[in-house]
Amino acid sequence: MINPADNEGKVALGGLTATGFRGLLRRIVPFSLRVAVARGRSMGVWRREAEQFRFPKSEASESLWLVAEHRSPLRRAGTTYAEELQRGKETNVGLAAQLVDGLTIPSGAVFSYHHAVGMPSRRRGFVKGAELQDGSLKPGIGGGCCQVSNLLYVLALLSGAEIVERHRHGFDLFPDSGRTVPFGCGATVFFPMRDLRFRNMLDQPIRLGMTIEDGHLVGRVQTVTPLAKRFEIFEMETEMRREGEVWIRENRVGRRAWDAERLVSTEEVAHNVAKCLYEPTTGVEAAQCER
């Protein structure tokens, strides 16, 4: 009799491990077919839960208090994909931003990126932009929208939200030049399976603002009354290492809460491990390599 423990991680096909078998399927089955099957399994759940994630919109007002603000450039130095895909990405980011802008999340309620933005389809105006498919950048409808989910994740952390669902990026796309938050402060999304969800933990509603200003995606969180606390994001640990032919970047991201000048709490909010899609030879990356 075979002890199952002795065969753990193996499948019947040629002694492949489960990981190896999944890799084989990725090579054999086209990406579009795999996506269609996965979406078909998930769409029913997405439709059934839609009502609980439906929130009203409100207009921006100077009377509201600014709790958090963050911005990221629509174009980054060092990106190598075609100009057509860059323009497509900017179109997609603009559409997603419009769908989020003005949403007002009640105290205790959970925000869902996919229920705010919906399916990125041609019919709804989304176009081809650069997206990651099996570890490489390729054209995809709605490509580039992760810039909106990335920014929302940062805003959620800076406003004291509880992260209910977040998926880390498996790849580090660009060096640290111009980065204003630690590496790993992003949230990859893929409709409708991989979502970004966070709970408003404040005792009042929050208004999400999302606009395009001077070539940047700008996000804001506002409240009716000022907060007693302020929040900040910081890098707790970081490492850059070579594994075979690739560079791996790993870090832990933390959040501090302050009441005036008194530190109230510190917590780890993310552990990231990613493959670098660039040679880490300058700036922060070079310093990491030398350690």
C-alpha atoms as a PDB file:
ATOM      1  CA  MET A   1       0.000   0.000   0.000  1.00  0.00           C
ATOM      2  CA  ILE A   2       1.277   3.456  -0.868  1.00  0.00           C
ATOM      3  CA  ASN A   3       1.503   5.902   1.986  1.00  0.00           C
ATOM      4  CA  PRO A   4      -0.256   9.100   0.770  1.00  0.00           C
ATOM      5  CA  ALA A   5       2.271  11.156   2.711  1.00  0.00           C
ATOM      6  CA  ASP A   6       5.082   9.665   0.616  1.00  0.00           C
ATOM      7  CA  ASN A   7       3.352  10.856  -2.548  1.00  0.00           C
ATOM      8  CA  GLU A   8       2.313  14.270  -1.276  1.00  0.00           C
ATOM      9  CA  GLY A   9       2.407  16.955  -3.963  1.00  0.00           C
ATOM     10  CA  LYS A  10       2.500  14.364  -6.795  1.00  0.00           C
ATOM     11  CA  VAL A  11      -0.077  13.616  -9.455  1.00  0.00           C
ATOM     12  CA  ALA A  12      -0.540  10.456 -11.489  1.00  0.00           C
ATOM     13  CA  LEU A  13       0.688  12.036 -14.718  1.00  0.00           C
ATOM     14  CA  GLY A  14       4.329  11.103 -15.047  1.00  0.00           C
ATOM     15  CA  GLY A  15       5.159  11.851 -11.415  1.00  0.00           C
ATOM     16  CA  LEU A  16       4.738  15.607 -11.885  1.00  0.00           C
ATOM     17  CA  THR A  17       4.297  17.686  -8.770  1.00  0.00           C
ATOM     18  CA  ALA A  18       1.089  19.691  -8.485  1.00  0.00           C
ATOM     19  CA  THR A  19       3.080  22.834  -9.218  1.00  0.00           C
ATOM     20  CA  GLY A  20       4.662  21.256 -12.275  1.00  0.00           C
ATOM     21  CA  PHE A  21       1.284  20.060 -13.539  1.00  0.00           C
ATOM     22  CA  ARG A  22      -0.193  23.564 -13.200  1.00  0.00           C
ATOM     23  CA  GLY A  23       2.787  24.926 -15.117  1.00  0.00           C
ATOM     24  CA  LEU A  24       2.183  22.368 -17.865  1.00  0.00           C
ATOM     25  CA  LEU A  25      -1.482  23.386 -18.099  1.00  0.00           C
ATOM     26  CA  ARG A  26      -0.481  27.044 -18.399  1.00  0.00           C
ATOM     27  CA  ARG A  27       1.673  26.182 -21.390  1.00  0.00           C
ATOM     28  CA  ILE A  28      -0.951  23.992 -23.067  1.00  0.00           C
ATOM     29  CA  VAL A  29      -4.202  25.881 -22.385  1.00  0.00           C
ATOM     30  CA  PRO A  30      -4.425  29.413 -23.842  1.00  0.00           C
ATOM     31  CA  PHE A  31      -4.623  32.252 -21.316  1.00  0.00           C
ATOM     32  CA  SER A  32      -7.941  33.489 -22.745  1.00  0.00           C
ATOM     33  CA  LEU A  33      -9.566  30.069 -22.294  1.00  0.00           C
ATOM     34  CA  ARG A  34      -8.326  29.741 -18.717  1.00  0.00           C
ATOM     35  CA  VAL A  35      -9.715  33.208 -17.937  1.00  0.00           C
ATOM     36  CA  ALA A  36     -13.092  32.399 -19.512  1.00  0.00           C
ATOM     37  CA  VAL A  37     -13.447  29.213 -17.453  1.00  0.00           C
ATOM     38  CA  ALA A  38     -12.439  30.920 -14.201  1.00  0.00           C
ATOM     39  CA  ARG A  39     -14.766  33.855 -14.806  1.00  0.00           C
ATOM     40  CA  GLY A  40     -17.654  31.550 -15.605  1.00  0.00           C
ATOM     41  CA  ARG A  41     -17.246  29.894 -12.213  1.00  0.00           C
ATOM     42  CA  SER A  42     -17.110  33.216 -10.342  1.00  0.00           C
ATOM     43  CA  MET A  43     -19.737  35.372 -12.071  1.00  0.00           C
ATOM     44  CA  GLY A  44     -22.665  33.900 -10.150  1.00  0.00           C
ATOM     45  CA  VAL A  45     -21.156  34.856  -6.797  1.00  0.00           C
ATOM     46  CA  TRP A  46     -20.309  38.336  -8.093  1.00  0.00           C
ATOM     47  CA  ARG A  47     -23.921  38.936  -9.185  1.00  0.00           C
ATOM     48  CA  ARG A  48     -25.465  37.586  -5.973  1.00  0.00           C
ATOM     49  CA  GLU A  49     -23.433  39.806  -3.681  1.00  0.00           C
ATOM     50  CA  ALA A  50     -23.712  42.990  -5.775  1.00  0.00           C
ATOM     51  CA  GLU A  51     -26.350  44.699  -3.626  1.00  0.00           C
ATOM     52  CA  GLN A  52     -24.255  44.787  -0.458  1.00  0.00           C
ATOM     53  CA  PHE A  53     -21.479  46.668  -2.274  1.00  0.00           C
ATOM     54  CA  ARG A  54     -23.664  49.329  -3.899  1.00  0.00           C
ATOM     55  CA  PHE A  55     -22.918  52.782  -2.446  1.00  0.00           C
ATOM     56  CA  PRO A  56     -24.112  56.295  -3.276  1.00  0.00           C
ATOM     57  CA  LYS A  57     -21.930  58.993  -4.790  1.00  0.00           C
ATOM     58  CA  SER A  58     -21.482  62.500  -3.436  1.00  0.00           C
ATOM     59  CA  GLU A  59     -19.939  65.656  -4.834  1.00  0.00           C
ATOM     60  CA  ALA A  60     -16.553  66.927  -3.721  1.00  0.00           C
ATOM     61  CA  SER A  61     -16.804  69.705  -1.149  1.00  0.00           C
ATOM     62  CA  GLU A  62     -14.292  72.064   0.421  1.00  0.00           C
ATOM     63  CA  SER A  63     -16.095  71.573   3.730  1.00  0.00           C
ATOM     64  CA  LEU A  64     -14.872  67.965   3.945  1.00  0.00           C
ATOM     65  CA  TRP A  65     -11.668  67.072   5.807  1.00  0.00           C
ATOM     66  CA  LEU A  66      -8.797  65.504   3.886  1.00  0.00           C
ATOM     67  CA  VAL A  67      -7.778  62.273   5.623  1.00  0.00           C
ATOM     68  CA  ALA A  68      -5.430  60.863   2.986  1.00  0.00           C
ATOM     69  CA  GLU A  69      -4.092  61.773  -0.442  1.00  0.00           C
ATOM     70  CA  HIS A  70      -1.812  59.922  -2.828  1.00  0.00           C
ATOM     71  CA  ARG A  71      -0.844  60.331  -6.472  1.00  0.00           C
ATOM     72  CA  SER A  72       0.965  58.204  -9.035  1.00  0.00           C
ATOM     73  CA  PRO A  73       2.200  59.117 -12.538  1.00  0.00           C
ATOM     74  CA  LEU A  74       0.351  57.696 -15.528  1.00  0.00           C
ATOM     75  CA  ARG A  75       3.665  57.375 -17.354  1.00  0.00           C
ATOM     76  CA  ARG A  76       6.814  56.046 -15.730  1.00  0.00           C
ATOM     77  CA  ALA A  77      10.372  56.274 -16.951  1.00  0.00           C
ATOM     78  CA  GLY A  78      11.705  52.913 -18.035  1.00  0.00           C
ATOM     79  CA  THR A  79       8.468  51.341 -19.271  1.00  0.00           C
ATOM     80  CA  THR A  80       9.102  49.546 -22.548  1.00  0.00           C
ATOM     81  CA  TYR A  81       5.693  48.576 -23.938  1.00  0.00           C
ATOM     82  CA  ALA A  82       4.246  50.157 -27.072  1.00  0.00           C
ATOM     83  CA  GLU A  83       2.813  53.671 -27.080  1.00  0.00           C
ATOM     84  CA  GLU A  84      -0.560  52.293 -28.156  1.00  0.00           C
ATOM     85  CA  LEU A  85      -0.725  50.172 -25.010  1.00  0.00           C
ATOM     86  CA  GLN A  86       0.370  53.129 -22.886  1.00  0.00           C
ATOM     87  CA  ARG A  87      -2.477  55.245 -24.284  1.00  0.00           C
ATOM     88  CA  GLY A  88      -4.845  52.339 -23.762  1.00  0.00           C
ATOM     89  CA  LYS A  89      -3.746  52.050 -20.153  1.00  0.00           C
ATOM     90  CA  GLU A  90      -4.409  55.761 -19.599  1.00  0.00           C
ATOM     91  CA  THR A  91      -7.902  55.374 -21.076  1.00  0.00           C
ATOM     92  CA  ASN A  92      -8.653  52.413 -18.815  1.00  0.00           C
ATOM     93  CA  VAL A  93      -7.315  54.142 -15.707  1.00  0.00           C
ATOM     94  CA  GLY A  94      -9.466  57.175 -16.472  1.00  0.00           C
ATOM     95  CA  LEU A  95     -12.616  55.055 -16.849  1.00  0.00           C
ATOM     96  CA  ALA A  96     -11.996  53.113 -13.638  1.00  0.00           C
ATOM     97  CA  ALA A  97     -11.229  56.333 -11.759  1.00  0.00           C
ATOM     98  CA  GLN A  98     -14.545  57.867 -12.859  1.00  0.00           C
ATOM     99  CA  LEU A  99     -16.441  54.836 -11.560  1.00  0.00           C
ATOM    100  CA  VAL A 100     -14.787  55.108  -8.136  1.00  0.00           C
ATOM    101  CA  ASP A 101     -14.797  58.903  -7.805  1.00  0.00           C
ATOM    102  CA  GLY A 102     -17.375  60.150  -5.314  1.00  0.00           C
ATOM    103  CA  LEU A 103     -18.321  56.815  -3.748  1.00  0.00           C
ATOM    104  CA  THR A 104     -19.282  57.273  -0.097  1.00  0.00           C
ATOM    105  CA  ILE A 105     -18.609  54.251   2.118  1.00  0.00           C
ATOM    106  CA  PRO A 106     -20.580  54.127   5.413  1.00  0.00           C
ATOM    107  CA  SER A 107     -18.934  53.317   8.723  1.00  0.00           C
ATOM    108  CA  GLY A 108     -18.396  49.558   8.988  1.00  0.00           C
ATOM    109  CA  ALA A 109     -19.166  48.888   5.316  1.00  0.00           C
ATOM    110  CA  VAL A 110     -16.835  47.022   2.948  1.00  0.00           C
ATOM    111  CA  PHE A 111     -15.697  48.523  -0.359  1.00  0.00           C
ATOM    112  CA  SER A 112     -15.128  46.158  -3.304  1.00  0.00           C
ATOM    113  CA  TYR A 113     -13.075  47.264  -6.297  1.00  0.00           C
ATOM    114  CA  HIS A 114     -14.818  44.856  -8.673  1.00  0.00           C
ATOM    115  CA  HIS A 115     -18.282  45.949  -7.600  1.00  0.00           C
ATOM    116  CA  ALA A 116     -17.304  49.597  -8.005  1.00  0.00           C
ATOM    117  CA  VAL A 117     -15.620  49.263 -11.410  1.00  0.00           C
ATOM    118  CA  GLY A 118     -17.297  46.179 -12.866  1.00  0.00           C
ATOM    119  CA  MET A 119     -16.134  44.056 -15.761  1.00  0.00           C
ATOM    120  CA  PRO A 120     -13.613  45.783 -18.050  1.00  0.00           C
ATOM    121  CA  SER A 121     -15.213  45.141 -21.459  1.00  0.00           C
ATOM    122  CA  ARG A 122     -15.133  46.796 -24.873  1.00  0.00           C
ATOM    123  CA  ARG A 123     -18.854  47.485 -24.580  1.00  0.00           C
ATOM    124  CA  ARG A 124     -18.204  49.638 -21.515  1.00  0.00           C
ATOM    125  CA  GLY A 125     -15.419  51.590 -23.212  1.00  0.00           C
ATOM    126  CA  PHE A 126     -12.348  49.735 -21.979  1.00  0.00           C
ATOM    127  CA  VAL A 127      -9.579  49.128 -24.511  1.00  0.00           C
ATOM    128  CA  LYS A 128      -6.382  47.112 -24.791  1.00  0.00           C
ATOM    129  CA  GLY A 129      -3.654  48.079 -22.361  1.00  0.00           C
ATOM    130  CA  ALA A 130      -0.615  46.333 -20.943  1.00  0.00           C
ATOM    131  CA  GLU A 131      -1.395  43.618 -18.397  1.00  0.00           C
ATOM    132  CA  LEU A 132       0.547  40.748 -16.886  1.00  0.00           C
ATOM    133  CA  GLN A 133      -0.254  37.359 -18.384  1.00  0.00           C
ATOM    134  CA  ASP A 134       1.762  34.387 -17.129  1.00  0.00           C
ATOM    135  CA  GLY A 135       4.642  36.615 -16.067  1.00  0.00           C
ATOM    136  CA  SER A 136       4.964  38.877 -19.096  1.00  0.00           C
ATOM    137  CA  LEU A 137       3.324  42.114 -20.236  1.00  0.00           C
ATOM    138  CA  LYS A 138       0.786  41.555 -23.003  1.00  0.00           C
ATOM    139  CA  PRO A 139      -2.226  43.422 -24.441  1.00  0.00           C
ATOM    140  CA  GLY A 140      -5.483  42.887 -22.575  1.00  0.00           C
ATOM    141  CA  ILE A 141      -8.860  44.642 -22.398  1.00  0.00           C
ATOM    142  CA  GLY A 142      -8.781  46.847 -19.306  1.00  0.00           C
ATOM    143  CA  GLY A 143      -5.012  46.498 -18.964  1.00  0.00           C
ATOM    144  CA  GLY A 144      -3.502  49.045 -16.590  1.00  0.00           C
ATOM    145  CA  CYS A 145      -6.470  49.307 -14.231  1.00  0.00           C
ATOM    146  CA  CYS A 146      -4.343  47.905 -11.410  1.00  0.00           C
ATOM    147  CA  GLN A 147      -2.973  51.435 -11.041  1.00  0.00           C
ATOM    148  CA  VAL A 148      -6.377  52.384  -9.610  1.00  0.00           C
ATOM    149  CA  SER A 149      -6.508  49.402  -7.239  1.00  0.00           C
ATOM    150  CA  ASN A 150      -2.906  50.091  -6.179  1.00  0.00           C
ATOM    151  CA  LEU A 151      -3.773  53.648  -5.242  1.00  0.00           C
ATOM    152  CA  LEU A 152      -6.963  52.588  -3.450  1.00  0.00           C
ATOM    153  CA  TYR A 153      -4.948  50.146  -1.346  1.00  0.00           C
ATOM    154  CA  VAL A 154      -2.596  52.933  -0.259  1.00  0.00           C
ATOM    155  CA  LEU A 155      -5.554  55.187   0.571  1.00  0.00           C
ATOM    156  CA  ALA A 156      -7.156  52.395   2.596  1.00  0.00           C
ATOM    157  CA  LEU A 157      -3.994  51.959   4.660  1.00  0.00           C
ATOM    158  CA  LEU A 158      -3.642  55.707   5.201  1.00  0.00           C
ATOM    159  CA  SER A 159      -7.238  56.020   6.402  1.00  0.00           C
ATOM    160  CA  GLY A 160      -7.075  53.204   8.946  1.00  0.00           C
ATOM    161  CA  ALA A 161      -9.196  50.755   6.960  1.00  0.00           C
ATOM    162  CA  GLU A 162      -9.204  47.015   7.624  1.00  0.00           C
ATOM    163  CA  ILE A 163      -7.968  45.112   4.574  1.00  0.00           C
ATOM    164  CA  VAL A 164     -10.498  42.351   3.920  1.00  0.00           C
ATOM    165  CA  GLU A 165      -9.051  41.032   0.647  1.00  0.00           C
ATOM    166  CA  ARG A 166      -5.849  41.979  -1.118  1.00  0.00           C
ATOM    167  CA  HIS A 167      -3.618  40.087  -3.547  1.00  0.00           C
ATOM    168  CA  ARG A 168       0.015  41.065  -3.883  1.00  0.00           C
ATOM    169  CA  HIS A 169       1.737  41.503  -7.214  1.00  0.00           C
ATOM    170  CA  GLY A 170       3.990  38.605  -8.126  1.00  0.00           C
ATOM    171  CA  PHE A 171       6.321  40.884 -10.085  1.00  0.00           C
ATOM    172  CA  ASP A 172       8.219  44.096  -9.389  1.00  0.00           C
ATOM    173  CA  LEU A 173       7.738  46.033 -12.610  1.00  0.00           C
ATOM    174  CA  PHE A 174       9.992  49.060 -12.194  1.00  0.00           C
ATOM    175  CA  PRO A 175      12.892  50.403 -10.084  1.00  0.00           C
ATOM    176  CA  ASP A 176      12.348  52.676  -7.102  1.00  0.00           C
ATOM    177  CA  SER A 177      13.008  55.946  -8.941  1.00  0.00           C
ATOM    178  CA  GLY A 178      10.144  58.287  -8.027  1.00  0.00           C
ATOM    179  CA  ARG A 179       8.449  55.788  -5.716  1.00  0.00           C
ATOM    180  CA  THR A 180       6.741  57.638  -2.845  1.00  0.00           C
ATOM    181  CA  VAL A 181       5.525  54.640  -0.825  1.00  0.00           C
ATOM    182  CA  PRO A 182       7.395  51.414   0.003  1.00  0.00           C
ATOM    183  CA  PHE A 183       7.617  48.663  -2.570  1.00  0.00           C
ATOM    184  CA  GLY A 184       4.717  46.265  -2.145  1.00  0.00           C
ATOM    185  CA  CYS A 185       1.995  48.858  -1.493  1.00  0.00           C
ATOM    186  CA  GLY A 186      -0.026  47.574  -4.405  1.00  0.00           C
ATOM    187  CA  ALA A 187      -3.030  45.341  -4.975  1.00  0.00           C
ATOM    188  CA  THR A 188      -3.442  43.312  -8.140  1.00  0.00           C
ATOM    189  CA  VAL A 189      -7.012  42.710  -9.328  1.00  0.00           C
ATOM    190  CA  PHE A 190      -8.470  40.418 -11.976  1.00  0.00           C
ATOM    191  CA  PHE A 191     -12.216  40.418 -12.605  1.00  0.00           C
ATOM    192  CA  PRO A 192     -14.062  38.911 -10.840  1.00  0.00           C
ATOM    193  CA  MET A 193     -11.775  36.511  -8.968  1.00  0.00           C
ATOM    194  CA  ARG A 194      -9.054  38.643  -7.408  1.00  0.00           C
ATOM    195  CA  ASP A 195     -10.549  41.651  -5.685  1.00  0.00           C
ATOM    196  CA  LEU A 196      -9.468  44.472  -3.406  1.00  0.00           C
ATOM    197  CA  ARG A 197     -11.805  44.898  -0.448  1.00  0.00           C
ATOM    198  CA  PHE A 198     -11.460  47.029   2.652  1.00  0.00           C
ATOM    199  CA  ARG A 199     -13.705  47.950   5.575  1.00  0.00           C
ATOM    200  CA  ASN A 200     -14.234  51.533   6.722  1.00  0.00           C
ATOM    201  CA  MET A 201     -13.224  51.352  10.396  1.00  0.00           C
ATOM    202  CA  LEU A 202     -13.952  55.005  11.162  1.00  0.00           C
ATOM    203  CA  ASP A 203     -17.027  56.135  13.062  1.00  0.00           C
ATOM    204  CA  GLN A 204     -18.188  58.152  10.048  1.00  0.00           C
ATOM    205  CA  PRO A 205     -18.518  57.702   6.275  1.00  0.00           C
ATOM    206  CA  ILE A 206     -15.570  58.241   3.966  1.00  0.00           C
ATOM    207  CA  ARG A 207     -15.719  59.785   0.507  1.00  0.00           C
ATOM    208  CA  LEU A 208     -13.374  58.370  -2.128  1.00  0.00           C
ATOM    209  CA  GLY A 209     -12.038  60.840  -4.670  1.00  0.00           C
ATOM    210  CA  MET A 210     -10.266  59.639  -7.819  1.00  0.00           C
ATOM    211  CA  THR A 211      -9.253  62.057 -10.581  1.00  0.00           C
ATOM    212  CA  ILE A 212      -6.670  62.589 -13.321  1.00  0.00           C
ATOM    213  CA  GLU A 213      -4.607  65.733 -12.705  1.00  0.00           C
ATOM    214  CA  ASP A 214      -1.526  66.890 -14.639  1.00  0.00           C
ATOM    215  CA  GLY A 215      -0.591  63.429 -15.857  1.00  0.00           C
ATOM    216  CA  HIS A 216      -1.150  61.787 -12.464  1.00  0.00           C
ATOM    217  CA  LEU A 217      -3.824  59.584 -10.969  1.00  0.00           C
ATOM    218  CA  VAL A 218      -4.813  61.343  -7.749  1.00  0.00           C
ATOM    219  CA  GLY A 219      -6.784  59.703  -4.950  1.00  0.00           C
ATOM    220  CA  ARG A 220      -8.245  61.244  -1.815  1.00  0.00           C
ATOM    221  CA  VAL A 221     -10.183  60.115   1.246  1.00  0.00           C
ATOM    222  CA  GLN A 222     -12.359  62.729   2.948  1.00  0.00           C
ATOM    223  CA  THR A 223     -14.571  62.791   6.032  1.00  0.00           C
ATOM    224  CA  VAL A 224     -17.126  65.181   7.524  1.00  0.00           C
ATOM    225  CA  THR A 225     -15.172  65.709  10.756  1.00  0.00           C
ATOM    226  CA  PRO A 226     -11.405  65.525  11.407  1.00  0.00           C
ATOM    227  CA  LEU A 227      -9.838  62.328  12.735  1.00  0.00           C
ATOM    228  CA  ALA A 228      -8.183  61.991  16.117  1.00  0.00           C
ATOM    229  CA  LYS A 229      -5.567  59.676  14.585  1.00  0.00           C
ATOM    230  CA  ARG A 230      -3.284  59.822  11.576  1.00  0.00           C
ATOM    231  CA  PHE A 231      -1.760  56.829   9.825  1.00  0.00           C
ATOM    232  CA  GLU A 232       1.509  56.240   7.998  1.00  0.00           C
ATOM    233  CA  ILE A 233       2.986  53.395   5.950  1.00  0.00           C
ATOM    234  CA  PHE A 234       6.584  52.262   6.353  1.00  0.00           C
ATOM    235  CA  GLU A 235       8.884  49.428   5.321  1.00  0.00           C
ATOM    236  CA  MET A 236       9.670  47.074   8.203  1.00  0.00           C
ATOM    237  CA  GLU A 237      12.108  44.716   6.447  1.00  0.00           C
ATOM    238  CA  THR A 238      13.471  44.461   2.922  1.00  0.00           C
ATOM    239  CA  GLU A 239      15.735  42.148   0.941  1.00  0.00           C
ATOM    240  CA  MET A 240      16.871  41.799  -2.661  1.00  0.00           C
ATOM    241  CA  ARG A 241      18.411  38.440  -3.608  1.00  0.00           C
ATOM    242  CA  ARG A 242      19.311  36.445  -6.674  1.00  0.00           C
ATOM    243  CA  GLU A 243      17.728  33.024  -7.123  1.00  0.00           C
ATOM    244  CA  GLY A 244      19.214  31.338 -10.151  1.00  0.00           C
ATOM    245  CA  GLU A 245      18.784  33.642 -13.126  1.00  0.00           C
ATOM    246  CA  VAL A 246      16.248  35.996 -11.533  1.00  0.00           C
ATOM    247  CA  TRP A 247      16.211  38.652  -8.838  1.00  0.00           C
ATOM    248  CA  ILE A 248      13.689  38.275  -6.028  1.00  0.00           C
ATOM    249  CA  ARG A 249      12.503  41.195  -3.943  1.00  0.00           C
ATOM    250  CA  GLU A 250      10.946  40.570  -0.532  1.00  0.00           C
ATOM    251  CA  ASN A 251       9.736  42.968   2.117  1.00  0.00           C
ATOM    252  CA  ARG A 252       7.272  43.571   4.918  1.00  0.00           C
ATOM    253  CA  VAL A 253       5.161  46.711   5.073  1.00  0.00           C
ATOM    254  CA  GLY A 254       3.851  48.168   8.316  1.00  0.00           C
ATOM    255  CA  ARG A 255       1.343  50.787   9.406  1.00  0.00           C
ATOM    256  CA  ARG A 256       1.649  53.154  12.366  1.00  0.00           C
ATOM    257  CA  ALA A 257      -1.213  55.003  14.020  1.00  0.00           C
ATOM    258  CA  TRP A 258      -0.534  58.304  15.797  1.00  0.00           C
ATOM    259  CA  ASP A 259      -2.667  60.331  18.193  1.00  0.00           C
ATOM    260  CA  ALA A 260      -1.137  63.798  17.968  1.00  0.00           C
ATOM    261  CA  GLU A 261       2.566  63.014  18.556  1.00  0.00           C
ATOM    262  CA  ARG A 262       1.943  59.798  20.510  1.00  0.00           C
ATOM    263  CA  LEU A 263       2.450  56.456  18.770  1.00  0.00           C
ATOM    264  CA  VAL A 264      -0.700  54.414  19.382  1.00  0.00           C
ATOM    265  CA  SER A 265      -0.064  51.212  17.438  1.00  0.00           C
ATOM    266  CA  THR A 266       2.193  49.473  14.925  1.00  0.00           C
ATOM    267  CA  GLU A 267       1.133  46.525  12.783  1.00  0.00           C
ATOM    268  CA  GLU A 268       2.370  44.535   9.812  1.00  0.00           C
ATOM    269  CA  VAL A 269      -0.035  44.909   6.903  1.00  0.00           C
ATOM    270  CA  ALA A 270       1.707  43.125   4.027  1.00  0.00           C
ATOM    271  CA  HIS A 271       4.389  40.555   3.237  1.00  0.00           C
ATOM    272  CA  ASN A 272       5.513  40.734  -0.392  1.00  0.00           C
ATOM    273  CA  VAL A 273       7.663  38.419  -2.496  1.00  0.00           C
ATOM    274  CA  ALA A 274       8.106  39.341  -6.155  1.00  0.00           C
ATOM    275  CA  LYS A 275      10.233  38.560  -9.188  1.00  0.00           C
ATOM    276  CA  CYS A 276      11.982  41.626 -10.623  1.00  0.00           C
ATOM    277  CA  LEU A 277      11.285  42.387 -14.271  1.00  0.00           C
ATOM    278  CA  TYR A 278      14.340  44.653 -14.419  1.00  0.00           C
ATOM    279  CA  GLU A 279      18.011  44.425 -13.487  1.00  0.00           C
ATOM    280  CA  PRO A 280      18.360  45.905  -9.963  1.00  0.00           C
ATOM    281  CA  THR A 281      21.568  47.835 -10.556  1.00  0.00           C
ATOM    282  CA  THR A 282      20.766  51.429  -9.524  1.00  0.00           C
ATOM    283  CA  GLY A 283      19.517  53.394  -6.560  1.00  0.00           C
ATOM    284  CA  VAL A 284      17.850  51.499  -3.758  1.00  0.00           C
ATOM    285  CA  GLU A 285      18.127  48.221  -5.645  1.00  0.00           C
ATOM    286  CA  ALA A 286      21.905  48.486  -5.892  1.00  0.00           C
ATOM    287  CA  ALA A 287      22.167  49.153  -2.173  1.00  0.00           C
ATOM    288  CA  GLN A 288      20.013  46.103  -1.471  1.00  0.00           C
ATOM    289  CA  CYS A 289      22.187  43.918  -3.689  1.00  0.00           C
ATOM    290  CA  GLU A 290      25.328  44.974  -1.835  1.00  0.00           C
ATOM    291  CA  ARG A 291      23.936  43.988   1.552  1.00  0.00           C
END
